[in-house]
Protein backbone atom coordinates (compact mmCIF):
# COMPACT_ATOMS: atom_id res chain seq x y z
CA MET A 1 44.89 -30.55 -37.60
CA ALA A 2 41.94 -30.60 -39.43
CA ARG A 3 40.20 -32.80 -36.72
CA PHE A 4 41.59 -30.16 -33.95
CA ARG A 5 40.30 -27.32 -35.28
CA ARG A 6 36.75 -29.29 -35.50
CA LYS A 7 37.23 -30.37 -32.21
CA SER A 8 38.12 -26.73 -31.06
CA CYS A 9 34.78 -25.71 -33.04
CA SER A 10 32.85 -28.10 -31.25
CA THR A 11 33.84 -27.08 -28.04
CA PHE A 12 33.22 -23.36 -28.87
CA ILE A 13 30.09 -24.25 -29.91
CA GLY A 14 28.98 -26.30 -26.38
CA LEU A 15 30.36 -23.25 -24.88
CA VAL A 16 27.96 -20.60 -26.86
CA LEU A 17 25.14 -22.85 -26.05
CA LEU A 18 25.68 -23.77 -22.60
CA VAL A 19 25.84 -19.46 -21.86
CA PHE A 20 22.79 -19.28 -23.47
CA ILE A 21 21.07 -22.13 -21.45
CA VAL A 22 22.09 -20.54 -18.61
CA THR A 23 21.17 -17.07 -19.36
CA VAL A 24 17.67 -18.14 -20.39
CA VAL A 25 17.24 -19.83 -16.79
CA LEU A 26 18.54 -16.54 -14.87
CA LYS A 27 16.37 -14.41 -16.62
CA SER A 28 13.37 -16.81 -15.90
CA PHE A 29 13.76 -15.36 -12.56
CA THR A 30 13.47 -11.88 -13.12
CA PRO A 31 9.87 -10.26 -12.72
CA GLU A 32 8.72 -9.26 -15.98
CA TYR A 33 7.88 -6.05 -15.28
CA SER A 34 10.19 -5.35 -12.23
CA PRO A 35 11.49 -1.67 -12.41
CA PHE A 36 14.16 -2.39 -10.25
CA GLY A 37 16.09 -4.74 -12.92
CA ARG A 38 16.04 -1.48 -15.08
CA ARG A 39 17.66 1.61 -14.49
CA PHE A 40 14.64 4.50 -15.10
CA ASP A 41 17.19 6.57 -13.83
CA LEU A 42 16.35 6.08 -10.66
CA GLU A 43 18.88 8.14 -8.42
CA LEU A 44 16.81 7.58 -5.45
CA LEU A 45 16.36 3.61 -5.60
CA PRO A 46 19.73 1.66 -4.80
CA ASN A 47 20.89 -0.52 -7.72
CA PHE A 48 21.67 -3.55 -6.66
CA LYS A 49 20.54 -6.81 -7.48
CA GLY A 50 17.73 -8.77 -6.07
CA PRO A 51 16.75 -11.77 -4.74
CA GLY A 52 14.88 -14.48 -7.03
CA LYS A 53 11.57 -15.53 -6.51
CA ASN A 54 12.43 -18.81 -4.84
CA ASP A 55 14.69 -16.90 -2.26
CA ILE A 56 12.48 -14.47 -1.22
CA GLN A 57 9.51 -17.87 -0.98
CA MET A 58 11.95 -19.71 1.41
CA LEU A 59 12.25 -16.16 3.54
CA SER A 60 8.55 -16.00 3.56
CA ASN A 61 8.39 -19.53 5.34
CA ILE A 62 5.03 -20.04 3.77
CA ASP A 63 3.72 -23.72 3.17
CA SER A 64 7.95 -25.30 2.34
CA VAL A 65 8.95 -27.89 3.15
CA VAL A 66 12.60 -28.57 2.86
CA THR A 67 15.31 -31.40 3.87
CA GLU A 68 17.75 -30.78 6.52
CA ALA A 69 20.47 -30.54 3.83
CA ALA A 70 18.55 -28.09 1.87
CA LEU A 71 17.70 -25.97 4.66
CA THR A 72 21.36 -25.51 5.44
CA LYS A 73 22.13 -24.39 1.87
CA THR A 74 18.97 -22.01 2.41
CA ASN A 75 20.37 -20.49 5.70
CA ASP A 76 23.94 -19.58 3.54
CA THR A 77 21.66 -18.31 0.78
CA HIS A 78 19.86 -16.28 3.33
CA SER A 79 22.64 -14.96 5.33
CA GLU A 80 24.29 -13.67 2.38
CA ARG A 81 20.73 -12.21 1.11
CA VAL A 82 20.44 -10.47 4.29
CA LYS A 83 23.93 -8.93 4.18
CA ASN A 84 23.10 -7.86 0.66
CA ILE A 85 20.00 -6.22 1.80
CA GLU A 86 21.35 -4.55 5.05
CA ALA A 87 23.76 -2.54 2.54
CA ALA A 88 21.07 -1.31 0.53
CA LEU A 89 18.74 -0.11 3.01
CA ARG A 90 21.99 1.96 4.46
CA GLN A 91 21.29 4.26 1.36
CA PHE A 92 17.81 4.50 2.08
CA PRO A 93 16.54 7.23 4.18
CA ALA A 94 15.45 6.44 7.58
CA PRO A 95 11.63 5.45 7.50
CA ASN A 96 9.53 7.65 9.49
CA TYR A 97 6.60 6.00 11.31
CA ASN A 98 4.29 8.74 11.15
CA ILE A 99 3.88 8.18 7.78
CA HIS A 100 1.45 5.89 6.75
CA ALA A 101 0.50 4.71 2.74
CA PHE A 102 -3.00 3.08 1.89
CA TYR A 103 -2.00 -0.27 0.16
CA TYR A 104 -4.16 -2.47 -1.42
CA THR A 105 -3.36 -6.40 -2.36
CA TRP A 106 -6.39 -6.71 -4.72
CA TYR A 107 -4.95 -7.21 -8.08
CA GLY A 108 -4.11 -10.48 -9.58
CA ASN A 109 -2.99 -11.68 -13.23
CA THR A 110 -2.44 -14.67 -14.98
CA GLN A 111 0.87 -15.66 -13.89
CA PHE A 112 -0.11 -15.68 -10.14
CA ASP A 113 -3.99 -16.22 -10.34
CA GLY A 114 -4.68 -18.09 -13.37
CA LYS A 115 -6.60 -14.51 -14.09
CA TYR A 116 -6.54 -10.88 -14.09
CA ILE A 117 -8.20 -9.59 -10.93
CA HIS A 118 -8.92 -5.67 -10.50
CA TRP A 119 -6.82 -4.70 -13.93
CA ASP A 120 -9.93 -5.90 -15.78
CA HIS A 121 -12.45 -3.64 -13.51
CA PRO A 122 -16.07 -3.26 -14.98
CA LEU A 123 -17.04 0.42 -16.51
CA LEU A 124 -19.09 1.32 -13.25
CA PRO A 125 -22.67 3.01 -14.50
CA HIS A 126 -23.91 6.51 -13.42
CA TRP A 127 -26.72 6.42 -10.62
CA ASP A 128 -28.83 8.04 -13.04
CA SER A 129 -30.09 5.99 -15.72
CA LYS A 130 -30.51 8.59 -18.29
CA VAL A 131 -26.68 10.16 -18.01
CA ALA A 132 -25.72 6.13 -17.65
CA ALA A 133 -26.87 5.83 -21.47
CA GLY A 134 -24.40 8.45 -22.54
CA TYR A 135 -21.31 5.96 -21.33
CA PRO A 136 -19.91 3.40 -22.26
CA ARG A 137 -20.22 -0.27 -20.30
CA GLY A 138 -17.73 -3.44 -20.15
CA ARG A 139 -14.95 -4.23 -18.93
CA HIS A 140 -10.91 -4.00 -19.25
CA SER A 141 -9.00 -5.98 -21.47
CA PRO A 142 -5.31 -6.58 -19.60
CA PRO A 143 -2.52 -6.10 -19.48
CA ASP A 144 -2.57 -3.49 -22.41
CA ASP A 145 -6.46 -2.39 -21.17
CA ILE A 146 -6.78 -1.94 -17.52
CA GLY A 147 -8.82 -0.39 -15.22
CA ALA A 148 -6.60 2.68 -14.63
CA ASN A 149 -5.50 5.92 -15.70
CA PHE A 150 -2.33 5.28 -15.48
CA TYR A 151 0.06 2.74 -15.94
CA PRO A 152 2.01 0.73 -13.45
CA ALA A 153 6.02 0.41 -13.55
CA LEU A 154 5.55 -2.93 -12.63
CA GLY A 155 2.81 -3.77 -15.34
CA ALA A 156 -0.33 -5.50 -14.59
CA TYR A 157 0.86 -7.57 -11.33
CA SER A 158 -0.24 -9.67 -8.82
CA SER A 159 -0.13 -8.32 -5.18
CA ARG A 160 0.77 -12.80 -4.65
CA ASP A 161 3.63 -11.98 -6.71
CA PRO A 162 7.19 -12.37 -3.85
CA SER A 163 9.39 -10.11 -6.21
CA VAL A 164 6.31 -7.33 -6.46
CA ILE A 165 5.88 -6.73 -2.82
CA GLU A 166 9.74 -6.50 -2.21
CA ALA A 167 9.83 -3.89 -4.98
CA HIS A 168 7.05 -2.36 -3.43
CA MET A 169 8.85 -2.00 -0.02
CA LYS A 170 11.86 -0.61 -1.92
CA GLN A 171 9.90 1.90 -3.50
CA LEU A 172 8.48 2.61 -0.12
CA ARG A 173 12.07 2.90 2.09
CA ALA A 174 12.91 5.25 -0.86
CA ALA A 175 10.21 7.66 0.05
CA ALA A 176 10.98 6.89 3.77
CA ILE A 177 7.40 5.52 4.55
CA GLY A 178 7.41 3.82 7.89
CA VAL A 179 4.40 2.15 7.44
CA LEU A 180 2.04 0.26 5.17
CA ALA A 181 -2.16 0.40 6.30
CA VAL A 182 -3.52 -2.73 4.43
CA SER A 183 -6.66 -2.93 3.30
CA TRP A 184 -8.13 -5.71 4.86
CA TYR A 185 -11.24 -7.98 4.68
CA PRO A 186 -11.78 -10.63 7.60
CA PRO A 187 -10.73 -14.54 6.00
CA GLY A 188 -13.01 -15.71 3.26
CA MET A 189 -14.57 -12.30 2.36
CA LYS A 190 -13.65 -9.55 -0.27
CA ASP A 191 -14.43 -6.51 -2.48
CA GLU A 192 -17.05 -7.19 -5.05
CA ASN A 193 -14.45 -6.82 -7.67
CA GLY A 194 -11.94 -9.25 -6.26
CA GLU A 195 -11.16 -12.65 -4.27
CA PRO A 196 -10.23 -12.90 -0.57
CA THR A 197 -6.75 -11.63 0.07
CA ASP A 198 -6.02 -12.27 3.91
CA ASP A 199 -3.85 -15.19 3.05
CA ILE A 200 -1.40 -12.32 1.37
CA VAL A 201 -0.82 -11.01 4.68
CA PRO A 202 2.12 -13.18 6.30
CA LEU A 203 4.08 -12.73 3.28
CA ILE A 204 3.67 -8.71 3.19
CA LEU A 205 4.45 -8.90 7.10
CA GLU A 206 7.82 -10.98 6.54
CA LEU A 207 8.90 -8.51 3.38
CA ALA A 208 8.04 -5.88 5.40
CA HIS A 209 10.12 -6.64 8.13
CA THR A 210 13.15 -7.20 6.15
CA TYR A 211 12.66 -3.31 4.83
CA HIS A 212 12.38 -2.20 8.53
CA VAL A 213 8.65 -0.95 7.61
CA LYS A 214 5.47 -2.16 9.55
CA VAL A 215 2.09 -2.46 8.56
CA ALA A 216 -1.09 -1.68 10.13
CA PHE A 217 -4.93 -2.84 9.11
CA HIS A 218 -7.10 -0.83 7.10
CA ILE A 219 -10.55 -2.40 8.16
CA GLU A 220 -12.64 -2.36 5.11
CA PRO A 221 -16.81 -2.64 5.29
CA TYR A 222 -18.31 -5.86 4.41
CA LYS A 223 -22.12 -7.33 4.79
CA GLY A 224 -22.84 -7.46 8.46
CA ARG A 225 -19.78 -5.73 9.93
CA ASP A 226 -21.12 -4.42 13.85
CA GLU A 227 -19.44 -4.72 16.88
CA THR A 228 -19.28 -7.86 17.27
CA SER A 229 -17.54 -9.19 14.20
CA MET A 230 -15.57 -5.73 14.91
CA PHE A 231 -14.27 -7.07 18.01
CA ASN A 232 -13.76 -10.74 16.07
CA ASN A 233 -11.68 -9.21 13.44
CA VAL A 234 -9.54 -7.42 16.01
CA LYS A 235 -8.61 -10.37 18.07
CA TYR A 236 -8.24 -12.39 14.60
CA ILE A 237 -5.28 -9.92 13.75
CA ILE A 238 -3.96 -9.69 17.12
CA GLU A 239 -3.73 -13.20 17.87
CA LYS A 240 -2.63 -14.29 14.51
CA TYR A 241 -0.40 -11.43 13.13
CA GLY A 242 0.17 -9.77 16.42
CA GLU A 243 3.59 -11.12 17.80
CA HIS A 244 5.13 -10.33 14.49
CA PRO A 245 7.98 -7.98 14.45
CA ALA A 246 6.62 -5.72 11.67
CA PHE A 247 3.35 -5.66 13.04
CA TYR A 248 2.54 -1.55 13.78
CA ARG A 249 1.88 -0.41 17.47
CA HIS A 250 1.37 3.04 18.14
CA ARG A 251 2.74 4.74 21.51
CA THR A 252 -0.13 6.51 23.07
CA ASN A 253 0.12 9.27 25.54
CA THR A 254 0.03 6.80 28.54
CA GLY A 255 3.36 5.25 27.29
CA LYS A 256 1.73 1.99 26.23
CA PHE A 257 1.76 0.37 22.57
CA LEU A 258 -1.02 -0.46 20.82
CA PRO A 259 -2.15 -1.80 17.66
CA LEU A 260 -3.77 0.88 15.34
CA PHE A 261 -6.49 0.00 12.84
CA TYR A 262 -8.36 1.85 10.11
CA VAL A 263 -11.81 1.90 10.21
CA TYR A 264 -13.22 2.62 6.80
CA ASP A 265 -16.72 4.08 6.61
CA SER A 266 -17.05 4.21 9.87
CA TYR A 267 -19.87 6.19 10.00
CA LEU A 268 -22.41 3.13 8.27
CA LEU A 269 -22.33 2.11 12.29
CA ASN A 270 -24.50 4.10 14.55
CA SER A 271 -22.27 5.27 17.51
CA GLU A 272 -24.39 3.64 19.85
CA GLN A 273 -22.82 0.59 18.04
CA TRP A 274 -19.51 1.53 18.26
CA ALA A 275 -19.93 1.97 21.59
CA LYS A 276 -20.66 -1.08 23.08
CA LEU A 277 -16.76 -1.80 21.21
CA LEU A 278 -14.84 1.53 22.44
CA LYS A 279 -15.99 2.74 25.59
CA HIS A 280 -14.44 1.65 28.79
CA THR A 281 -18.27 1.48 30.76
CA GLU A 282 -19.69 -0.90 28.38
CA SER A 283 -19.50 -4.73 29.46
CA SER A 284 -18.83 -5.76 26.00
CA SER A 285 -16.19 -3.19 25.46
CA ILE A 286 -12.87 -4.22 23.83
CA ARG A 287 -10.94 -1.76 26.14
CA ASP A 288 -8.56 -2.95 28.78
CA THR A 289 -8.38 -6.53 27.09
CA PRO A 290 -5.59 -8.09 25.31
CA TYR A 291 -7.59 -6.88 22.14
CA ASP A 292 -7.48 -3.20 22.87
CA GLY A 293 -6.27 -0.73 20.26
CA ILE A 294 -6.08 2.86 18.79
CA PHE A 295 -9.40 3.24 16.38
CA ILE A 296 -9.46 5.81 13.62
CA ALA A 297 -12.65 6.60 12.20
CA LEU A 298 -13.32 7.96 9.27
CA LEU A 299 -14.32 11.81 9.29
CA VAL A 300 -16.48 12.56 6.11
CA GLU A 301 -19.10 14.95 7.01
CA ASP A 302 -18.83 17.95 10.08
CA LYS A 303 -21.57 16.17 11.97
CA HIS A 304 -19.54 12.44 12.07
CA LYS A 305 -16.81 14.69 14.51
CA ARG A 306 -19.58 14.39 17.73
CA ASP A 307 -20.63 11.04 16.32
CA ILE A 308 -17.07 9.61 16.69
CA VAL A 309 -16.44 11.05 19.94
CA THR A 310 -19.54 9.26 21.42
CA ALA A 311 -18.91 6.39 19.67
CA GLY A 312 -15.17 6.69 21.85
CA PHE A 313 -12.89 6.51 18.89
CA ASP A 314 -9.11 7.41 19.59
CA GLY A 315 -8.60 9.41 16.37
CA VAL A 316 -10.15 10.32 12.78
CA TYR A 317 -8.79 10.23 9.15
CA THR A 318 -9.89 11.87 6.12
CA TYR A 319 -9.13 9.25 3.29
CA PHE A 320 -10.24 11.33 0.10
CA ALA A 321 -7.30 12.63 -2.52
CA THR A 322 -9.78 15.04 -3.45
CA ASN A 323 -9.83 18.18 -1.72
CA GLY A 324 -13.27 19.87 -1.51
CA PHE A 325 -14.51 16.34 -1.87
CA SER A 326 -16.02 16.07 1.57
CA TYR A 327 -15.64 18.11 4.97
CA GLY A 328 -12.89 16.02 6.21
CA SER A 329 -10.81 15.66 2.79
CA THR A 330 -11.00 19.60 2.38
CA HIS A 331 -7.43 21.22 3.25
CA ARG A 332 -8.91 24.15 4.74
CA ASN A 333 -10.82 22.44 7.24
CA TRP A 334 -8.00 20.47 8.83
CA GLU A 335 -6.58 22.93 11.11
CA SER A 336 -10.24 23.18 12.89
CA ILE A 337 -10.69 19.45 12.94
CA LYS A 338 -7.03 19.20 14.44
CA THR A 339 -8.31 21.76 17.33
CA PHE A 340 -11.35 19.61 17.55
CA CYS A 341 -9.26 16.77 17.88
CA ASP A 342 -6.99 18.24 20.28
CA ASP A 343 -10.07 19.21 22.77
CA ASN A 344 -11.24 16.03 22.37
CA ASN A 345 -8.12 13.71 23.28
CA LEU A 346 -8.20 12.53 19.48
CA LEU A 347 -5.44 11.43 16.67
CA PHE A 348 -5.80 13.73 14.06
CA ILE A 349 -4.92 11.92 10.94
CA PRO A 350 -5.38 13.94 7.77
CA SER A 351 -4.74 11.94 4.25
CA VAL A 352 -2.83 13.26 1.66
CA GLY A 353 -2.81 12.57 -2.11
CA PRO A 354 -1.40 13.23 -5.26
CA GLY A 355 -4.39 13.77 -7.54
CA TYR A 356 -7.25 11.96 -8.07
CA ILE A 357 -9.04 10.60 -11.65
CA ASP A 358 -10.92 7.33 -12.10
CA THR A 359 -12.57 8.05 -15.19
CA SER A 360 -11.21 4.76 -16.26
CA ILE A 361 -13.89 3.11 -13.97
CA ARG A 362 -16.39 5.94 -13.86
CA PRO A 363 -16.23 7.50 -16.78
CA TRP A 364 -18.68 9.89 -15.97
CA ASN A 365 -16.95 11.42 -13.14
CA PHE A 366 -14.82 14.12 -14.39
CA GLN A 367 -16.09 16.66 -11.62
CA ASN A 368 -14.22 14.65 -9.12
CA THR A 369 -10.80 14.82 -10.76
CA ARG A 370 -7.82 16.68 -9.26
CA ASN A 371 -4.61 17.41 -11.57
CA ARG A 372 -1.37 16.23 -10.10
CA ILE A 373 -0.12 19.70 -11.36
CA ASN A 374 3.24 17.92 -12.09
CA GLY A 375 3.68 17.16 -7.81
CA LYS A 376 2.18 20.55 -6.78
CA TYR A 377 -1.42 19.13 -5.80
CA TYR A 378 0.66 16.57 -3.68
CA GLU A 379 2.85 19.37 -2.14
CA MET A 380 0.17 21.77 -1.25
CA ALA A 381 -1.90 18.53 0.31
CA LEU A 382 1.74 17.69 2.55
CA SER A 383 1.79 21.14 3.38
CA ALA A 384 -1.68 21.63 4.22
CA ALA A 385 -1.24 18.82 6.97
CA LEU A 386 2.02 20.15 8.46
CA GLU A 387 0.61 23.67 8.70
CA ALA A 388 -2.52 21.75 10.84
CA SER A 389 0.13 20.17 12.61
CA ALA A 390 -1.06 16.70 12.07
CA ASP A 391 -0.07 14.07 14.55
CA ILE A 392 0.19 11.17 11.84
CA ILE A 393 0.27 11.86 7.72
CA SER A 394 -1.59 9.31 6.08
CA ILE A 395 -1.12 9.13 2.24
CA THR A 396 -3.92 8.15 -0.34
CA SER A 397 -2.92 6.07 -1.75
CA PHE A 398 0.55 3.82 -2.54
CA ASN A 399 -1.38 1.75 -5.10
CA GLU A 400 -5.06 2.63 -5.41
CA TRP A 401 -4.62 2.97 -9.20
CA HIS A 402 -8.36 2.64 -10.25
CA GLU A 403 -8.76 6.53 -8.43
CA GLY A 404 -5.53 7.41 -9.63
CA THR A 405 -4.24 8.19 -6.37
CA GLN A 406 -1.18 6.03 -6.44
CA ILE A 407 2.53 7.48 -5.51
CA GLU A 408 3.62 3.87 -6.91
CA MET A 409 6.12 4.52 -10.02
CA ALA A 410 4.08 4.76 -12.85
CA ILE A 411 5.67 5.15 -16.46
CA PRO A 412 4.45 6.10 -20.19
CA LYS A 413 2.10 3.37 -22.08
CA THR A 414 1.74 3.67 -25.70
CA SER A 415 -1.25 1.12 -26.43
CA GLN A 416 -4.80 1.40 -27.82
CA THR A 417 -5.43 2.85 -24.38
CA MET A 418 -5.09 6.45 -23.48
CA TYR A 419 -2.65 6.70 -20.23
CA LEU A 420 -1.80 9.55 -18.12
CA ASP A 421 2.44 9.72 -16.97
CA TYR A 422 4.05 11.33 -14.51
CA LEU A 423 6.57 13.37 -17.54
CA PRO A 424 8.65 16.07 -17.44
CA HIS A 425 9.35 14.01 -14.37
CA LYS A 426 10.87 10.54 -13.41
CA PRO A 427 9.00 7.54 -12.58
CA VAL A 428 10.26 8.08 -9.11
CA VAL A 429 8.73 11.74 -8.61
CA TYR A 430 5.78 11.01 -5.77
CA LEU A 431 8.49 8.81 -4.00
CA GLU A 432 11.29 11.38 -4.12
CA ILE A 433 8.19 14.45 -2.70
CA THR A 434 7.15 11.55 0.08
CA ARG A 435 10.80 11.78 1.24
CA LYS A 436 11.08 15.39 0.87
CA TRP A 437 7.95 15.96 3.18
CA ALA A 438 8.64 13.21 5.46
CA ALA A 439 11.74 14.75 6.51
CA ILE A 440 10.32 18.24 6.95
CA PHE A 441 7.68 16.52 8.96
CA SER A 442 10.02 14.68 11.49
CA ASN A 443 11.72 17.97 11.85
CA GLU A 444 8.64 19.79 12.43
CA ARG A 445 7.68 17.59 15.29
CA LYS A 446 10.81 17.56 16.90
CA ARG A 447 9.86 21.51 17.68
CA TRP A 448 6.14 20.96 18.63
CA PRO A 449 5.64 20.60 22.52
CA GLU A 450 5.15 17.24 24.33
């Protein structure tokens, strides 16, 4: 009897240890900061168990080499995963492909990138040395101290983390956003504080397709950008990504479906140079070639309107989330800009934002701060875009954390750094507002003449 008790006790202890080991292993597959592994009172977001990182990596088909047996097992797992995702998608609102969100892939952390990227953004000095002397210098020190005035629900994440990209796709679908406008530099090029990111695009496309989101390209300025390099950029993008089902194509008035490209700081190149690329009359034109597209110029100043027409662009966007910062970003100007666009057969794509604050990286720039007013600022911008009969509404931004324009989920954070948050609302408040106005926009468009 005593031996039986000892044997039973040993068996019980063994079972407890087995459960503990399995729990630890399973926990290692859950992203550290994923809000979808917690509740956060997310009525908007479906509560279902997402796939592990390995499943997503297999789905993306990026550098995966598997045996035939392993591939068969993966296909079974993939089929079950697709069923789960399709069931979850039915709980999301339909994606509105006339709502675009600017998306940044420049973030990195120690787990995926070996170091923090962009979260450790430097404090930028004022251009006036006397003013600059009155403000601190240095860099942020993640993960508790990041270059942002808000703190992301996903923590100081890496843009290469498949679980992060998937969490973003869920948030986009919860907000009814149909198109992700990815900030893009040519292969090997980067912004001054980051690393090259073109290699992240294939995974974004795969996961976007899974969640029925489309991907457009927001071409950033870089040293040496001209009409020739732009032709090569567009050729590269279309040849490499153009056949992917998640690649965004916009239906033109003539019934064609063409890729749409946002061109940031397009005014840095003069209209005569742009015309060589965009005018049908030029021998070097991209028009009526396999690389033709819809090219959207950044409208900053009033005088840029005529330059944009002369250059041969197909539309304008305003990007900045600070009402009054520029002619283009000033809400009261949108109706007249829309009239100009209609008169010149241009798409009008105003950019709306939830607010603006960049004092975490520009500590002297208080004058451009725009308070969110608990979501009212965002709703005023969305209302102005609808009043102006926007063709497409672009959102600045999904996740530009440095400038505080993000609609991505943010949480209260207690540390030595003081962070803003979305309280008294929940982390999903700006996704909910976007969803509401996406539905309003869709209904309004049905009333507009063709």
